Amino acid sequence: MTRGGARAGAGRKSPLNGFQALQVGQYCEALWIKAAEEQAHARYEALPQTKDIRAEQARADLIPLSRGKRRMNPDITESIDEITGGKRSISLPLMRPYGVKADIIKKAIDWCKSEFGQIISASKAVECWKNYKRFEKWAKDCVSAWNKDPVFGVIGIQSGPRDKGPQWLPSSHGSRGWDAGGGDDW
């Protein structure tokens, strides 16, 4: 017994085409990354070492400019080196941003309305975001396969039946038989 709407093409049509849905997902992901960066920066600014560095930088701002350049006082630079352990650059690890998902979805809905003139539901925005993440992973996997053999890529020589030896295939051939799994299924 089949359910209602289980046939192909049944159900409500999406207000967005495939490219627009990917753009909505990309917008959500960009907002997510921005929120993660902002939270990482806030965590860094809250560290006591950062506050000490900011105090030393404020001391440096008191030094007058000489010919458009500020000459750093060795006392200030040594003090900053002591605080940082001699490392002037750091890497801020990005962590999952908390408390921003609902805001991102709301912004994505508003953006979709202004960009495409389409009103989408929150569940549609989440679906677009998940599909974008799936697409992004797929694209990275394809690039990874290409980087393993950038000259020939995934297509090129394929070993054929033993009596015929290797076969050169044009790029228009896809995996439709004994060469299944070759990765050239476009």
N, C-alpha and C. Protein backbone atom coordinates (compact mmCIF):
# COMPACT_ATOMS: atom_id res chain seq x y z
N MET A 1 0.84 -1.17 0.00
CA MET A 1 0.00 0.00 0.00
C MET A 1 0.89 1.24 0.00
N THR A 2 0.68 2.11 -0.95
CA THR A 2 1.51 3.31 -1.05
C THR A 2 0.89 4.46 -0.29
N ARG A 3 1.74 5.36 0.11
CA ARG A 3 1.26 6.57 0.79
C ARG A 3 0.85 7.60 -0.26
N GLY A 4 0.03 8.51 0.14
CA GLY A 4 -0.37 9.59 -0.76
C GLY A 4 0.82 10.48 -1.07
N GLY A 5 1.01 10.80 -2.32
CA GLY A 5 2.11 11.67 -2.73
C GLY A 5 3.42 10.96 -2.88
N ALA A 6 3.44 9.63 -2.84
CA ALA A 6 4.69 8.90 -2.93
C ALA A 6 5.17 8.75 -4.38
N ARG A 7 4.35 9.09 -5.33
CA ARG A 7 4.77 8.94 -6.72
C ARG A 7 5.74 10.06 -7.12
N ALA A 8 6.45 9.85 -8.17
CA ALA A 8 7.43 10.83 -8.63
C ALA A 8 6.74 12.13 -9.03
N GLY A 9 7.31 13.25 -8.61
CA GLY A 9 6.78 14.55 -8.96
C GLY A 9 5.61 15.01 -8.12
N ALA A 10 5.20 14.20 -7.13
CA ALA A 10 4.07 14.58 -6.28
C ALA A 10 4.54 15.52 -5.18
N GLY A 11 3.62 16.24 -4.62
CA GLY A 11 3.94 17.12 -3.50
C GLY A 11 4.11 18.56 -3.93
N ARG A 12 4.28 19.40 -2.94
CA ARG A 12 4.42 20.84 -3.18
C ARG A 12 5.78 21.13 -3.83
N LYS A 13 5.77 21.97 -4.82
CA LYS A 13 7.01 22.36 -5.51
C LYS A 13 7.77 23.38 -4.67
N SER A 14 9.06 23.31 -4.74
CA SER A 14 9.91 24.23 -3.99
C SER A 14 9.84 25.62 -4.60
N PRO A 15 9.81 26.65 -3.77
CA PRO A 15 9.80 28.01 -4.32
C PRO A 15 11.15 28.41 -4.91
N LEU A 16 12.20 27.64 -4.62
CA LEU A 16 13.54 27.96 -5.11
C LEU A 16 14.01 26.92 -6.10
N ASN A 17 14.79 27.34 -7.09
CA ASN A 17 15.43 26.36 -7.95
C ASN A 17 16.68 25.84 -7.24
N GLY A 18 17.35 24.88 -7.82
CA GLY A 18 18.50 24.25 -7.16
C GLY A 18 19.62 25.21 -6.85
N PHE A 19 19.92 26.11 -7.78
CA PHE A 19 21.00 27.07 -7.57
C PHE A 19 20.65 28.05 -6.46
N GLN A 20 19.42 28.52 -6.45
CA GLN A 20 18.98 29.44 -5.39
C GLN A 20 19.04 28.76 -4.02
N ALA A 21 18.65 27.49 -3.96
CA ALA A 21 18.70 26.76 -2.70
C ALA A 21 20.14 26.65 -2.20
N LEU A 22 21.09 26.41 -3.11
CA LEU A 22 22.50 26.36 -2.71
C LEU A 22 22.97 27.73 -2.22
N GLN A 23 22.49 28.79 -2.85
CA GLN A 23 22.88 30.13 -2.40
C GLN A 23 22.34 30.42 -1.00
N VAL A 24 21.15 29.98 -0.70
CA VAL A 24 20.60 30.16 0.65
C VAL A 24 21.45 29.37 1.65
N GLY A 25 21.81 28.14 1.30
CA GLY A 25 22.66 27.33 2.17
C GLY A 25 24.03 27.95 2.37
N GLN A 26 24.58 28.50 1.30
CA GLN A 26 25.89 29.15 1.39
C GLN A 26 25.81 30.40 2.28
N TYR A 27 24.72 31.12 2.19
CA TYR A 27 24.53 32.30 3.04
C TYR A 27 24.47 31.90 4.51
N CYS A 28 23.74 30.81 4.80
CA CYS A 28 23.67 30.31 6.18
C CYS A 28 25.06 29.90 6.67
N GLU A 29 25.80 29.21 5.85
CA GLU A 29 27.14 28.75 6.25
C GLU A 29 28.08 29.93 6.48
N ALA A 30 27.98 30.95 5.64
CA ALA A 30 28.83 32.15 5.82
C ALA A 30 28.51 32.84 7.15
N LEU A 31 27.21 32.93 7.49
CA LEU A 31 26.83 33.52 8.76
C LEU A 31 27.31 32.67 9.94
N TRP A 32 27.27 31.36 9.78
CA TRP A 32 27.73 30.43 10.82
C TRP A 32 29.23 30.61 11.07
N ILE A 33 30.01 30.70 10.00
CA ILE A 33 31.46 30.88 10.12
C ILE A 33 31.78 32.24 10.73
N LYS A 34 31.05 33.26 10.31
CA LYS A 34 31.26 34.59 10.88
C LYS A 34 30.98 34.59 12.38
N ALA A 35 29.91 33.91 12.80
CA ALA A 35 29.58 33.82 14.23
C ALA A 35 30.67 33.07 14.99
N ALA A 36 31.21 32.00 14.39
CA ALA A 36 32.29 31.25 15.03
C ALA A 36 33.53 32.12 15.19
N GLU A 37 33.85 32.91 14.16
CA GLU A 37 35.01 33.80 14.23
C GLU A 37 34.81 34.88 15.29
N GLU A 38 33.60 35.44 15.35
CA GLU A 38 33.32 36.48 16.35
C GLU A 38 33.43 35.92 17.77
N GLN A 39 32.92 34.70 17.98
CA GLN A 39 33.01 34.10 19.30
C GLN A 39 34.45 33.75 19.66
N ALA A 40 35.24 33.30 18.68
CA ALA A 40 36.65 33.01 18.95
C ALA A 40 37.40 34.29 19.31
N HIS A 41 37.10 35.35 18.60
CA HIS A 41 37.75 36.64 18.90
C HIS A 41 37.34 37.13 20.28
N ALA A 42 36.09 36.96 20.65
CA ALA A 42 35.62 37.38 21.98
C ALA A 42 36.31 36.56 23.07
N ARG A 43 36.49 35.24 22.83
CA ARG A 43 37.22 34.42 23.80
C ARG A 43 38.66 34.89 23.96
N TYR A 44 39.29 35.27 22.84
CA TYR A 44 40.66 35.75 22.88
C TYR A 44 40.75 37.07 23.64
N GLU A 45 39.83 37.97 23.36
CA GLU A 45 39.85 39.28 24.03
C GLU A 45 39.59 39.16 25.53
N ALA A 46 38.92 38.09 25.96
CA ALA A 46 38.62 37.90 27.38
C ALA A 46 39.80 37.32 28.17
N LEU A 47 40.83 36.84 27.48
CA LEU A 47 42.00 36.28 28.17
C LEU A 47 42.75 37.37 28.93
N PRO A 48 43.30 37.04 30.11
CA PRO A 48 44.06 38.05 30.86
C PRO A 48 45.32 38.52 30.11
N GLN A 49 45.96 37.62 29.36
CA GLN A 49 47.15 38.01 28.59
C GLN A 49 46.80 39.06 27.54
N THR A 50 45.63 38.91 26.92
CA THR A 50 45.21 39.86 25.91
C THR A 50 44.98 41.23 26.52
N LYS A 51 44.40 41.25 27.70
CA LYS A 51 44.18 42.52 28.39
C LYS A 51 45.51 43.20 28.72
N ASP A 52 46.51 42.40 29.11
CA ASP A 52 47.84 42.96 29.38
C ASP A 52 48.47 43.52 28.10
N ILE A 53 48.30 42.80 27.00
CA ILE A 53 48.84 43.27 25.71
C ILE A 53 48.16 44.57 25.31
N ARG A 54 46.84 44.65 25.47
CA ARG A 54 46.11 45.87 25.13
C ARG A 54 46.58 47.05 25.98
N ALA A 55 46.92 46.80 27.24
CA ALA A 55 47.42 47.87 28.10
C ALA A 55 48.78 48.38 27.59
N GLU A 56 49.64 47.46 27.16
CA GLU A 56 50.94 47.86 26.61
C GLU A 56 50.76 48.60 25.29
N GLN A 57 49.81 48.16 24.47
CA GLN A 57 49.55 48.85 23.21
C GLN A 57 49.02 50.26 23.46
N ALA A 58 48.25 50.43 24.53
CA ALA A 58 47.76 51.77 24.88
C ALA A 58 48.93 52.67 25.28
N ARG A 59 49.91 52.09 25.95
CA ARG A 59 51.12 52.86 26.29
C ARG A 59 51.85 53.29 25.01
N ALA A 60 51.87 52.39 24.02
CA ALA A 60 52.55 52.71 22.76
C ALA A 60 51.83 53.83 22.02
N ASP A 61 50.50 53.91 22.16
CA ASP A 61 49.74 54.98 21.50
C ASP A 61 50.09 56.35 22.04
N LEU A 62 50.64 56.42 23.24
CA LEU A 62 51.02 57.70 23.83
C LEU A 62 52.30 58.26 23.24
N ILE A 63 53.05 57.42 22.53
CA ILE A 63 54.30 57.87 21.91
C ILE A 63 53.95 58.72 20.70
N PRO A 64 54.53 59.94 20.59
CA PRO A 64 54.19 60.79 19.44
C PRO A 64 54.79 60.24 18.14
N LEU A 65 54.10 60.57 17.05
CA LEU A 65 54.57 60.14 15.73
C LEU A 65 55.78 60.97 15.32
N SER A 66 56.75 60.30 14.71
CA SER A 66 57.93 60.98 14.20
C SER A 66 58.00 60.71 12.70
N ARG A 67 57.77 61.76 11.91
CA ARG A 67 57.76 61.64 10.43
C ARG A 67 56.77 60.58 9.96
N GLY A 68 55.61 60.58 10.56
CA GLY A 68 54.56 59.66 10.11
C GLY A 68 54.70 58.25 10.65
N LYS A 69 55.79 57.96 11.39
CA LYS A 69 56.00 56.62 11.93
C LYS A 69 56.13 56.70 13.44
N ARG A 70 55.69 55.67 14.08
CA ARG A 70 55.81 55.58 15.53
C ARG A 70 56.97 54.66 15.84
N ARG A 71 57.94 55.14 16.56
CA ARG A 71 59.07 54.31 16.96
C ARG A 71 58.70 53.62 18.26
N MET A 72 58.77 52.32 18.25
CA MET A 72 58.38 51.56 19.44
C MET A 72 59.46 51.64 20.50
N ASN A 73 59.03 51.84 21.69
CA ASN A 73 59.90 51.86 22.84
C ASN A 73 60.33 50.42 23.13
N PRO A 74 61.62 50.16 23.25
CA PRO A 74 62.08 48.79 23.52
C PRO A 74 61.48 48.21 24.80
N ASP A 75 61.19 49.08 25.77
CA ASP A 75 60.58 48.61 27.01
C ASP A 75 59.20 48.01 26.75
N ILE A 76 58.44 48.63 25.85
CA ILE A 76 57.09 48.15 25.53
C ILE A 76 57.17 46.84 24.75
N THR A 77 58.07 46.77 23.77
CA THR A 77 58.19 45.54 22.98
C THR A 77 58.67 44.38 23.84
N GLU A 78 59.58 44.63 24.75
CA GLU A 78 60.05 43.57 25.64
C GLU A 78 58.92 43.10 26.56
N SER A 79 58.14 44.04 27.03
CA SER A 79 57.01 43.70 27.90
C SER A 79 56.00 42.83 27.16
N ILE A 80 55.70 43.19 25.92
CA ILE A 80 54.76 42.38 25.12
C ILE A 80 55.35 41.00 24.84
N ASP A 81 56.67 40.94 24.56
CA ASP A 81 57.32 39.64 24.34
C ASP A 81 57.25 38.76 25.58
N GLU A 82 57.38 39.35 26.75
CA GLU A 82 57.26 38.57 27.99
C GLU A 82 55.84 38.02 28.15
N ILE A 83 54.86 38.82 27.82
CA ILE A 83 53.47 38.38 27.96
C ILE A 83 53.17 37.25 26.98
N THR A 84 53.63 37.40 25.74
CA THR A 84 53.31 36.42 24.69
C THR A 84 54.28 35.26 24.62
N GLY A 85 55.37 35.33 25.36
CA GLY A 85 56.37 34.26 25.26
C GLY A 85 57.15 34.35 23.97
N GLY A 86 57.22 35.53 23.37
CA GLY A 86 57.96 35.73 22.13
C GLY A 86 57.18 35.44 20.87
N LYS A 87 55.95 34.96 21.03
CA LYS A 87 55.11 34.65 19.86
C LYS A 87 54.18 35.82 19.62
N ARG A 88 54.36 36.50 18.49
CA ARG A 88 53.53 37.66 18.19
C ARG A 88 52.28 37.30 17.40
N SER A 89 52.22 36.12 16.84
CA SER A 89 51.01 35.72 16.12
C SER A 89 50.45 34.46 16.76
N ILE A 90 49.14 34.36 16.75
CA ILE A 90 48.48 33.19 17.33
C ILE A 90 47.43 32.68 16.36
N SER A 91 47.01 31.48 16.59
CA SER A 91 45.94 30.89 15.81
C SER A 91 44.73 30.72 16.73
N LEU A 92 43.62 31.27 16.33
CA LEU A 92 42.40 31.15 17.13
C LEU A 92 41.60 29.96 16.63
N PRO A 93 41.43 28.94 17.45
CA PRO A 93 40.63 27.79 17.01
C PRO A 93 39.15 28.15 16.94
N LEU A 94 38.53 27.78 15.84
CA LEU A 94 37.09 28.04 15.70
C LEU A 94 36.33 26.87 16.32
N MET A 95 35.37 27.23 17.12
CA MET A 95 34.51 26.23 17.74
C MET A 95 33.08 26.48 17.28
N ARG A 96 32.24 25.50 17.51
CA ARG A 96 30.85 25.62 17.12
C ARG A 96 30.22 26.81 17.86
N PRO A 97 29.66 27.76 17.13
CA PRO A 97 29.02 28.89 17.81
C PRO A 97 27.67 28.48 18.40
N TYR A 98 27.47 28.85 19.64
CA TYR A 98 26.22 28.49 20.31
C TYR A 98 25.26 29.67 20.34
N GLY A 99 23.97 29.35 20.24
CA GLY A 99 22.93 30.35 20.36
C GLY A 99 22.72 31.23 19.14
N VAL A 100 23.18 30.80 17.97
CA VAL A 100 23.06 31.64 16.78
C VAL A 100 22.23 31.00 15.66
N LYS A 101 21.89 29.73 15.79
CA LYS A 101 21.24 29.03 14.68
C LYS A 101 19.89 29.66 14.32
N ALA A 102 19.08 29.96 15.33
CA ALA A 102 17.75 30.54 15.04
C ALA A 102 17.89 31.90 14.37
N ASP A 103 18.86 32.68 14.79
CA ASP A 103 19.10 33.99 14.19
C ASP A 103 19.58 33.85 12.74
N ILE A 104 20.43 32.85 12.50
CA ILE A 104 20.93 32.61 11.14
C ILE A 104 19.77 32.23 10.22
N ILE A 105 18.90 31.35 10.69
CA ILE A 105 17.76 30.93 9.88
C ILE A 105 16.85 32.12 9.57
N LYS A 106 16.61 32.96 10.57
CA LYS A 106 15.77 34.15 10.37
C LYS A 106 16.40 35.09 9.34
N LYS A 107 17.71 35.31 9.46
CA LYS A 107 18.42 36.17 8.49
C LYS A 107 18.39 35.57 7.09
N ALA A 108 18.50 34.24 7.00
CA ALA A 108 18.47 33.58 5.69
C ALA A 108 17.09 33.73 5.05
N ILE A 109 16.04 33.63 5.84
CA ILE A 109 14.68 33.81 5.31
C ILE A 109 14.51 35.24 4.79
N ASP A 110 14.96 36.21 5.57
CA ASP A 110 14.87 37.62 5.15
C ASP A 110 15.71 37.87 3.90
N TRP A 111 16.92 37.27 3.85
CA TRP A 111 17.81 37.45 2.71
C TRP A 111 17.18 36.84 1.45
N CYS A 112 16.58 35.67 1.60
CA CYS A 112 15.94 35.00 0.46
C CYS A 112 14.79 35.85 -0.08
N LYS A 113 14.04 36.45 0.84
CA LYS A 113 12.92 37.29 0.40
C LYS A 113 13.43 38.51 -0.36
N SER A 114 14.51 39.13 0.13
CA SER A 114 15.03 40.33 -0.54
C SER A 114 15.79 39.98 -1.82
N GLU A 115 16.47 38.85 -1.83
CA GLU A 115 17.31 38.47 -2.99
C GLU A 115 16.49 37.87 -4.13
N PHE A 116 15.59 36.94 -3.79
CA PHE A 116 14.85 36.20 -4.81
C PHE A 116 13.37 36.54 -4.85
N GLY A 117 12.88 37.30 -3.87
CA GLY A 117 11.46 37.60 -3.82
C GLY A 117 10.62 36.41 -3.43
N GLN A 118 11.24 35.43 -2.77
CA GLN A 118 10.53 34.22 -2.36
C GLN A 118 10.54 34.12 -0.84
N ILE A 119 9.42 33.76 -0.28
CA ILE A 119 9.33 33.53 1.16
C ILE A 119 9.46 32.03 1.38
N ILE A 120 10.44 31.67 2.22
CA ILE A 120 10.64 30.25 2.52
C ILE A 120 10.40 30.04 4.01
N SER A 121 10.13 28.80 4.37
CA SER A 121 9.91 28.45 5.77
C SER A 121 11.26 28.21 6.45
N ALA A 122 11.23 28.14 7.76
CA ALA A 122 12.46 27.85 8.51
C ALA A 122 12.97 26.47 8.16
N SER A 123 12.06 25.50 8.00
CA SER A 123 12.49 24.14 7.67
C SER A 123 13.13 24.10 6.27
N LYS A 124 12.64 24.92 5.34
CA LYS A 124 13.23 24.98 4.00
C LYS A 124 14.63 25.59 4.08
N ALA A 125 14.81 26.60 4.92
CA ALA A 125 16.13 27.21 5.08
C ALA A 125 17.11 26.19 5.66
N VAL A 126 16.67 25.42 6.65
CA VAL A 126 17.53 24.38 7.23
C VAL A 126 17.85 23.32 6.18
N GLU A 127 16.87 22.95 5.38
CA GLU A 127 17.09 21.96 4.32
C GLU A 127 18.12 22.47 3.31
N CYS A 128 18.02 23.74 2.92
CA CYS A 128 18.98 24.33 1.99
C CYS A 128 20.38 24.32 2.59
N TRP A 129 20.48 24.62 3.87
CA TRP A 129 21.77 24.65 4.56
C TRP A 129 22.39 23.25 4.59
N LYS A 130 21.57 22.24 4.92
CA LYS A 130 22.07 20.86 4.96
C LYS A 130 22.50 20.40 3.57
N ASN A 131 21.72 20.74 2.56
CA ASN A 131 22.08 20.36 1.19
C ASN A 131 23.36 21.05 0.74
N TYR A 132 23.53 22.30 1.16
CA TYR A 132 24.77 23.00 0.82
C TYR A 132 25.96 22.32 1.47
N LYS A 133 25.84 21.93 2.75
CA LYS A 133 26.93 21.24 3.45
C LYS A 133 27.26 19.92 2.74
N ARG A 134 26.22 19.20 2.30
CA ARG A 134 26.42 17.95 1.57
C ARG A 134 27.13 18.23 0.25
N PHE A 135 26.71 19.28 -0.45
CA PHE A 135 27.34 19.66 -1.72
C PHE A 135 28.80 20.06 -1.50
N GLU A 136 29.06 20.81 -0.45
CA GLU A 136 30.42 21.25 -0.14
C GLU A 136 31.33 20.05 0.13
N LYS A 137 30.84 19.08 0.87
CA LYS A 137 31.63 17.88 1.16
C LYS A 137 31.90 17.11 -0.13
N TRP A 138 30.88 16.99 -0.97
CA TRP A 138 31.04 16.28 -2.24
C TRP A 138 32.10 16.98 -3.10
N ALA A 139 32.06 18.31 -3.16
CA ALA A 139 33.01 19.07 -3.97
C ALA A 139 34.44 18.89 -3.44
N LYS A 140 34.60 18.88 -2.13
CA LYS A 140 35.93 18.67 -1.55
C LYS A 140 36.45 17.28 -1.88
N ASP A 141 35.57 16.28 -1.86
CA ASP A 141 35.98 14.92 -2.21
C ASP A 141 36.41 14.85 -3.67
N CYS A 142 35.73 15.56 -4.55
CA CYS A 142 36.10 15.57 -5.97
C CYS A 142 37.46 16.23 -6.16
N VAL A 143 37.69 17.34 -5.47
CA VAL A 143 38.98 18.03 -5.57
C VAL A 143 40.08 17.12 -5.05
N SER A 144 39.79 16.39 -3.98
CA SER A 144 40.78 15.48 -3.42
C SER A 144 41.15 14.40 -4.44
N ALA A 145 40.16 13.86 -5.14
CA ALA A 145 40.43 12.85 -6.15
C ALA A 145 41.24 13.44 -7.30
N TRP A 146 40.94 14.67 -7.70
CA TRP A 146 41.67 15.32 -8.77
C TRP A 146 43.11 15.59 -8.35
N ASN A 147 43.34 15.97 -7.11
CA ASN A 147 44.68 16.28 -6.64
C ASN A 147 45.56 15.04 -6.56
N LYS A 148 44.97 13.86 -6.50
CA LYS A 148 45.78 12.64 -6.46
C LYS A 148 46.47 12.41 -7.79
N ASP A 149 45.83 12.78 -8.89
CA ASP A 149 46.44 12.66 -10.21
C ASP A 149 45.96 13.83 -11.06
N PRO A 150 46.57 15.03 -10.86
CA PRO A 150 46.04 16.21 -11.53
C PRO A 150 46.21 16.21 -13.05
N VAL A 151 47.13 15.40 -13.58
CA VAL A 151 47.31 15.38 -15.03
C VAL A 151 46.19 14.62 -15.70
N PHE A 152 45.92 13.42 -15.22
CA PHE A 152 44.89 12.59 -15.83
C PHE A 152 43.55 12.73 -15.13
N GLY A 153 43.56 13.18 -13.90
CA GLY A 153 42.31 13.28 -13.15
C GLY A 153 41.76 11.91 -12.86
N VAL A 154 40.46 11.80 -12.86
CA VAL A 154 39.83 10.53 -12.56
C VAL A 154 39.64 9.72 -13.83
N ILE A 155 39.63 10.38 -14.98
CA ILE A 155 39.46 9.66 -16.23
C ILE A 155 40.81 9.55 -16.92
N GLY A 156 40.97 8.62 -17.81
CA GLY A 156 42.22 8.41 -18.52
C GLY A 156 42.30 6.97 -18.93
N ILE A 157 43.36 6.28 -18.54
CA ILE A 157 43.51 4.86 -18.86
C ILE A 157 42.65 4.05 -17.91
N GLN A 158 41.88 3.15 -18.48
CA GLN A 158 41.13 2.20 -17.66
C GLN A 158 41.46 0.81 -18.17
N SER A 159 41.71 -0.08 -17.24
CA SER A 159 42.01 -1.44 -17.69
C SER A 159 40.71 -2.09 -18.13
N GLY A 160 40.77 -2.71 -19.28
CA GLY A 160 39.58 -3.34 -19.85
C GLY A 160 39.65 -4.84 -19.71
N PRO A 161 38.88 -5.52 -20.53
CA PRO A 161 38.95 -6.98 -20.52
C PRO A 161 40.37 -7.45 -20.84
N ARG A 162 40.75 -8.59 -20.30
CA ARG A 162 42.13 -9.07 -20.44
C ARG A 162 42.57 -9.22 -21.89
N ASP A 163 41.69 -9.63 -22.77
CA ASP A 163 42.10 -9.85 -24.16
C ASP A 163 42.26 -8.54 -24.93
N LYS A 164 41.71 -7.43 -24.43
CA LYS A 164 41.80 -6.16 -25.15
C LYS A 164 42.84 -5.22 -24.56
N GLY A 165 43.24 -5.41 -23.32
CA GLY A 165 44.24 -4.55 -22.70
C GLY A 165 43.64 -3.22 -22.27
N PRO A 166 44.54 -2.26 -21.98
CA PRO A 166 44.04 -0.97 -21.51
C PRO A 166 43.28 -0.22 -22.61
N GLN A 167 42.33 0.58 -22.20
CA GLN A 167 41.53 1.34 -23.15
C GLN A 167 41.60 2.81 -22.79
N TRP A 168 41.75 3.64 -23.80
CA TRP A 168 41.71 5.09 -23.61
C TRP A 168 40.29 5.53 -23.87
N LEU A 169 39.73 6.22 -22.92
CA LEU A 169 38.35 6.66 -23.08
C LEU A 169 38.30 8.17 -23.16
N PRO A 170 37.48 8.70 -24.06
CA PRO A 170 37.30 10.15 -24.07
C PRO A 170 36.55 10.59 -22.81
N SER A 171 36.64 11.86 -22.50
CA SER A 171 36.04 12.35 -21.26
C SER A 171 34.52 12.30 -21.28
N SER A 172 33.91 12.03 -22.43
CA SER A 172 32.46 12.00 -22.48
C SER A 172 31.88 10.68 -22.00
N HIS A 173 32.74 9.64 -21.84
CA HIS A 173 32.23 8.36 -21.36
C HIS A 173 32.04 8.40 -19.87
N GLY A 174 31.04 7.70 -19.39
CA GLY A 174 30.80 7.61 -17.96
C GLY A 174 30.82 6.16 -17.54
N SER A 175 30.65 5.92 -16.28
CA SER A 175 30.64 4.56 -15.76
C SER A 175 29.28 3.94 -16.05
N ARG A 176 29.22 3.10 -17.04
CA ARG A 176 27.96 2.49 -17.41
C ARG A 176 28.06 0.96 -17.52
N GLY A 177 29.12 0.39 -17.05
CA GLY A 177 29.24 -1.06 -17.19
C GLY A 177 30.35 -1.59 -16.34
N TRP A 178 31.30 -2.28 -16.97
CA TRP A 178 32.39 -2.92 -16.22
C TRP A 178 33.31 -1.91 -15.55
N ASP A 179 33.25 -0.64 -15.95
CA ASP A 179 34.15 0.36 -15.35
C ASP A 179 33.46 1.12 -14.21
N ALA A 180 32.43 0.56 -13.62
CA ALA A 180 31.69 1.24 -12.55
C ALA A 180 32.61 1.57 -11.39
N GLY A 181 32.39 2.71 -10.81
CA GLY A 181 33.22 3.13 -9.68
C GLY A 181 34.45 3.89 -10.12
N GLY A 182 34.53 4.23 -11.42
CA GLY A 182 35.68 4.95 -11.92
C GLY A 182 35.68 6.41 -11.54
N GLY A 183 34.56 6.92 -11.05
CA GLY A 183 34.49 8.29 -10.58
C GLY A 183 34.19 9.31 -11.66
N ASP A 184 33.88 8.86 -12.87
CA ASP A 184 33.64 9.79 -13.98
C ASP A 184 32.16 9.78 -14.38
N ASP A 185 31.29 9.79 -13.40
CA ASP A 185 29.85 9.66 -13.65
C ASP A 185 29.18 11.01 -13.92
N TRP A 186 29.64 11.78 -14.80
CA TRP A 186 28.95 13.04 -15.13
C TRP A 186 28.20 12.81 -16.36
